[in-house]
Amino acid sequence: MSIISWIILGLLAGVLAKWIMPGKDSGGFIITTLLGIAGAVVGGWVSTLLGIGTTTGLSIGGIVMATVGALILLFVYNKFVK
């Protein structure tokens, strides 16, 4: 995937993760986007490691895995910041 695709996927994953796990965060839109991009990378890595899917394109499975990765990173981020 191209960098633009990763950013779009990360933005979607970050927004979905924030919607699923609301709360007071010290970060705003930028932190949410960065966590989403990192979550997309983590989710893509885990999905290919488990043999669930590949990171070759923008798909529903990719969005789900990126959102799961973003949720994990958002949880960890909230634990370290507080």
N, C-alpha and C. Protein backbone atom coordinates (compact mmCIF):
# COMPACT_ATOMS: atom_id res chain seq x y z
N MET A 1 0.84 -1.18 0.00
CA MET A 1 0.00 0.00 0.00
C MET A 1 0.88 1.24 0.00
N SER A 2 0.35 2.28 -0.55
CA SER A 2 1.10 3.52 -0.59
C SER A 2 0.97 4.25 0.74
N ILE A 3 1.78 5.26 0.91
CA ILE A 3 1.76 6.05 2.15
C ILE A 3 0.39 6.71 2.34
N ILE A 4 -0.19 7.21 1.26
CA ILE A 4 -1.50 7.86 1.35
C ILE A 4 -2.55 6.86 1.82
N SER A 5 -2.49 5.62 1.32
CA SER A 5 -3.44 4.59 1.75
C SER A 5 -3.28 4.28 3.23
N TRP A 6 -2.03 4.21 3.71
CA TRP A 6 -1.78 3.96 5.13
C TRP A 6 -2.33 5.09 5.98
N ILE A 7 -2.17 6.33 5.52
CA ILE A 7 -2.67 7.47 6.28
C ILE A 7 -4.19 7.46 6.34
N ILE A 8 -4.84 7.16 5.20
CA ILE A 8 -6.29 7.10 5.17
C ILE A 8 -6.79 5.95 6.05
N LEU A 9 -6.16 4.79 5.93
CA LEU A 9 -6.54 3.65 6.75
C LEU A 9 -6.30 3.96 8.23
N GLY A 10 -5.19 4.61 8.53
CA GLY A 10 -4.90 4.99 9.91
C GLY A 10 -5.89 6.00 10.45
N LEU A 11 -6.31 6.94 9.62
CA LEU A 11 -7.30 7.92 10.04
C LEU A 11 -8.63 7.22 10.34
N LEU A 12 -9.05 6.33 9.46
CA LEU A 12 -10.28 5.57 9.70
C LEU A 12 -10.18 4.72 10.96
N ALA A 13 -9.06 4.04 11.11
CA ALA A 13 -8.87 3.18 12.28
C ALA A 13 -8.82 4.01 13.56
N GLY A 14 -8.14 5.14 13.53
CA GLY A 14 -8.06 6.01 14.70
C GLY A 14 -9.41 6.56 15.12
N VAL A 15 -10.20 6.98 14.14
CA VAL A 15 -11.53 7.51 14.43
C VAL A 15 -12.44 6.40 14.97
N LEU A 16 -12.38 5.23 14.35
CA LEU A 16 -13.19 4.10 14.84
C LEU A 16 -12.77 3.69 16.25
N ALA A 17 -11.47 3.63 16.50
CA ALA A 17 -10.99 3.26 17.83
C ALA A 17 -11.42 4.29 18.87
N LYS A 18 -11.36 5.55 18.53
CA LYS A 18 -11.78 6.60 19.45
C LYS A 18 -13.28 6.54 19.70
N TRP A 19 -14.04 6.17 18.67
CA TRP A 19 -15.48 6.04 18.81
C TRP A 19 -15.84 4.84 19.69
N ILE A 20 -15.10 3.74 19.54
CA ILE A 20 -15.34 2.54 20.33
C ILE A 20 -14.88 2.73 21.77
N MET A 21 -13.75 3.41 21.97
CA MET A 21 -13.18 3.61 23.30
C MET A 21 -13.13 5.10 23.61
N PRO A 22 -14.28 5.71 23.91
CA PRO A 22 -14.28 7.15 24.19
C PRO A 22 -13.71 7.43 25.57
N GLY A 23 -13.41 8.67 25.80
CA GLY A 23 -12.89 9.08 27.09
C GLY A 23 -12.03 10.31 26.94
N LYS A 24 -11.60 10.82 28.06
CA LYS A 24 -10.74 12.00 28.04
C LYS A 24 -9.33 11.57 27.70
N ASP A 25 -8.81 12.10 26.64
CA ASP A 25 -7.44 11.84 26.23
C ASP A 25 -6.70 13.16 26.16
N SER A 26 -5.42 13.10 26.41
CA SER A 26 -4.62 14.32 26.31
C SER A 26 -4.33 14.67 24.86
N GLY A 27 -4.43 13.71 23.97
CA GLY A 27 -4.18 13.94 22.56
C GLY A 27 -5.45 14.31 21.83
N GLY A 28 -5.28 15.00 20.76
CA GLY A 28 -6.43 15.38 19.95
C GLY A 28 -6.45 14.61 18.65
N PHE A 29 -6.81 15.32 17.59
CA PHE A 29 -6.95 14.71 16.28
C PHE A 29 -5.63 14.15 15.77
N ILE A 30 -4.54 14.86 15.99
CA ILE A 30 -3.22 14.41 15.50
C ILE A 30 -2.80 13.12 16.19
N ILE A 31 -2.94 13.06 17.52
CA ILE A 31 -2.57 11.85 18.26
C ILE A 31 -3.45 10.69 17.84
N THR A 32 -4.75 10.94 17.64
CA THR A 32 -5.66 9.89 17.20
C THR A 32 -5.25 9.36 15.84
N THR A 33 -4.88 10.25 14.94
CA THR A 33 -4.44 9.83 13.61
C THR A 33 -3.14 9.04 13.68
N LEU A 34 -2.18 9.52 14.47
CA LEU A 34 -0.92 8.80 14.61
C LEU A 34 -1.10 7.43 15.25
N LEU A 35 -1.97 7.35 16.26
CA LEU A 35 -2.26 6.05 16.86
C LEU A 35 -2.96 5.14 15.86
N GLY A 36 -3.81 5.71 15.03
CA GLY A 36 -4.48 4.92 14.00
C GLY A 36 -3.52 4.39 12.96
N ILE A 37 -2.57 5.21 12.54
CA ILE A 37 -1.56 4.76 11.57
C ILE A 37 -0.69 3.67 12.19
N ALA A 38 -0.26 3.89 13.43
CA ALA A 38 0.53 2.86 14.11
C ALA A 38 -0.30 1.60 14.31
N GLY A 39 -1.59 1.77 14.61
CA GLY A 39 -2.48 0.63 14.76
C GLY A 39 -2.66 -0.13 13.46
N ALA A 40 -2.68 0.60 12.35
CA ALA A 40 -2.77 -0.05 11.05
C ALA A 40 -1.53 -0.90 10.79
N VAL A 41 -0.39 -0.38 11.17
CA VAL A 41 0.86 -1.14 11.01
C VAL A 41 0.85 -2.37 11.91
N VAL A 42 0.48 -2.18 13.18
CA VAL A 42 0.43 -3.30 14.12
C VAL A 42 -0.61 -4.32 13.69
N GLY A 43 -1.80 -3.86 13.34
CA GLY A 43 -2.85 -4.77 12.90
C GLY A 43 -2.48 -5.52 11.64
N GLY A 44 -1.84 -4.85 10.69
CA GLY A 44 -1.40 -5.52 9.47
C GLY A 44 -0.32 -6.54 9.75
N TRP A 45 0.59 -6.20 10.66
CA TRP A 45 1.66 -7.13 11.01
C TRP A 45 1.10 -8.37 11.70
N VAL A 46 0.18 -8.16 12.64
CA VAL A 46 -0.41 -9.28 13.37
C VAL A 46 -1.25 -10.16 12.43
N SER A 47 -2.01 -9.54 11.53
CA SER A 47 -2.85 -10.33 10.63
C SER A 47 -2.02 -11.17 9.66
N THR A 48 -0.90 -10.63 9.19
CA THR A 48 -0.05 -11.44 8.31
C THR A 48 0.70 -12.50 9.11
N LEU A 49 1.05 -12.19 10.35
CA LEU A 49 1.72 -13.16 11.21
C LEU A 49 0.81 -14.35 11.51
N LEU A 50 -0.47 -14.06 11.74
CA LEU A 50 -1.43 -15.12 12.03
C LEU A 50 -1.99 -15.78 10.77
N GLY A 51 -1.68 -15.22 9.61
CA GLY A 51 -2.17 -15.79 8.36
C GLY A 51 -3.62 -15.44 8.06
N ILE A 52 -4.15 -14.41 8.73
CA ILE A 52 -5.53 -14.01 8.53
C ILE A 52 -5.70 -13.24 7.23
N GLY A 53 -4.77 -12.38 6.92
CA GLY A 53 -4.89 -11.56 5.73
C GLY A 53 -3.56 -10.94 5.36
N THR A 54 -3.60 -10.17 4.30
CA THR A 54 -2.41 -9.48 3.84
C THR A 54 -2.62 -7.98 3.91
N THR A 55 -1.56 -7.25 3.74
CA THR A 55 -1.64 -5.79 3.78
C THR A 55 -1.44 -5.21 2.38
N THR A 56 -2.03 -5.86 1.39
CA THR A 56 -1.81 -5.42 0.01
C THR A 56 -2.79 -4.37 -0.45
N GLY A 57 -3.89 -4.19 0.22
CA GLY A 57 -4.86 -3.21 -0.24
C GLY A 57 -5.81 -2.78 0.86
N LEU A 58 -6.59 -1.79 0.53
CA LEU A 58 -7.58 -1.26 1.45
C LEU A 58 -8.81 -2.15 1.39
N SER A 59 -9.12 -2.83 2.50
CA SER A 59 -10.25 -3.75 2.53
C SER A 59 -10.92 -3.67 3.89
N ILE A 60 -12.07 -4.32 3.99
CA ILE A 60 -12.79 -4.34 5.26
C ILE A 60 -11.96 -5.05 6.33
N GLY A 61 -11.35 -6.16 5.96
CA GLY A 61 -10.50 -6.88 6.90
C GLY A 61 -9.33 -6.04 7.38
N GLY A 62 -8.76 -5.26 6.45
CA GLY A 62 -7.67 -4.37 6.82
C GLY A 62 -8.11 -3.29 7.78
N ILE A 63 -9.31 -2.75 7.56
CA ILE A 63 -9.84 -1.72 8.45
C ILE A 63 -10.11 -2.31 9.83
N VAL A 64 -10.65 -3.52 9.87
CA VAL A 64 -10.93 -4.17 11.15
C VAL A 64 -9.63 -4.42 11.92
N MET A 65 -8.64 -4.99 11.24
CA MET A 65 -7.37 -5.27 11.91
C MET A 65 -6.66 -3.99 12.33
N ALA A 66 -6.73 -2.95 11.51
CA ALA A 66 -6.12 -1.68 11.88
C ALA A 66 -6.83 -1.07 13.07
N THR A 67 -8.15 -1.22 13.13
CA THR A 67 -8.91 -0.69 14.26
C THR A 67 -8.57 -1.45 15.53
N VAL A 68 -8.43 -2.75 15.43
CA VAL A 68 -8.03 -3.55 16.60
C VAL A 68 -6.64 -3.12 17.08
N GLY A 69 -5.73 -2.93 16.14
CA GLY A 69 -4.40 -2.45 16.50
C GLY A 69 -4.44 -1.07 17.12
N ALA A 70 -5.29 -0.19 16.59
CA ALA A 70 -5.42 1.16 17.14
C ALA A 70 -6.05 1.12 18.53
N LEU A 71 -7.00 0.21 18.75
CA LEU A 71 -7.59 0.07 20.08
C LEU A 71 -6.55 -0.36 21.10
N ILE A 72 -5.72 -1.30 20.70
CA ILE A 72 -4.66 -1.76 21.60
C ILE A 72 -3.70 -0.62 21.92
N LEU A 73 -3.29 0.11 20.90
CA LEU A 73 -2.36 1.22 21.13
C LEU A 73 -3.01 2.35 21.92
N LEU A 74 -4.29 2.61 21.68
CA LEU A 74 -5.00 3.65 22.43
C LEU A 74 -5.11 3.26 23.90
N PHE A 75 -5.36 1.98 24.18
CA PHE A 75 -5.42 1.50 25.56
C PHE A 75 -4.07 1.66 26.25
N VAL A 76 -3.02 1.24 25.57
CA VAL A 76 -1.67 1.36 26.14
C VAL A 76 -1.31 2.82 26.34
N TYR A 77 -1.62 3.66 25.35
CA TYR A 77 -1.33 5.10 25.43
C TYR A 77 -2.03 5.72 26.64
N ASN A 78 -3.31 5.38 26.83
CA ASN A 78 -4.06 5.94 27.96
C ASN A 78 -3.50 5.48 29.30
N LYS A 79 -2.99 4.25 29.36
CA LYS A 79 -2.42 3.74 30.61
C LYS A 79 -1.11 4.45 30.95
N PHE A 80 -0.30 4.74 29.92
CA PHE A 80 0.99 5.40 30.17
C PHE A 80 0.85 6.88 30.44
N VAL A 81 -0.11 7.53 29.80
CA VAL A 81 -0.29 8.97 29.98
C VAL A 81 -0.88 9.26 31.35
N LYS A 82 -1.80 8.44 31.81
CA LYS A 82 -2.44 8.67 33.11
C LYS A 82 -1.58 8.05 34.16
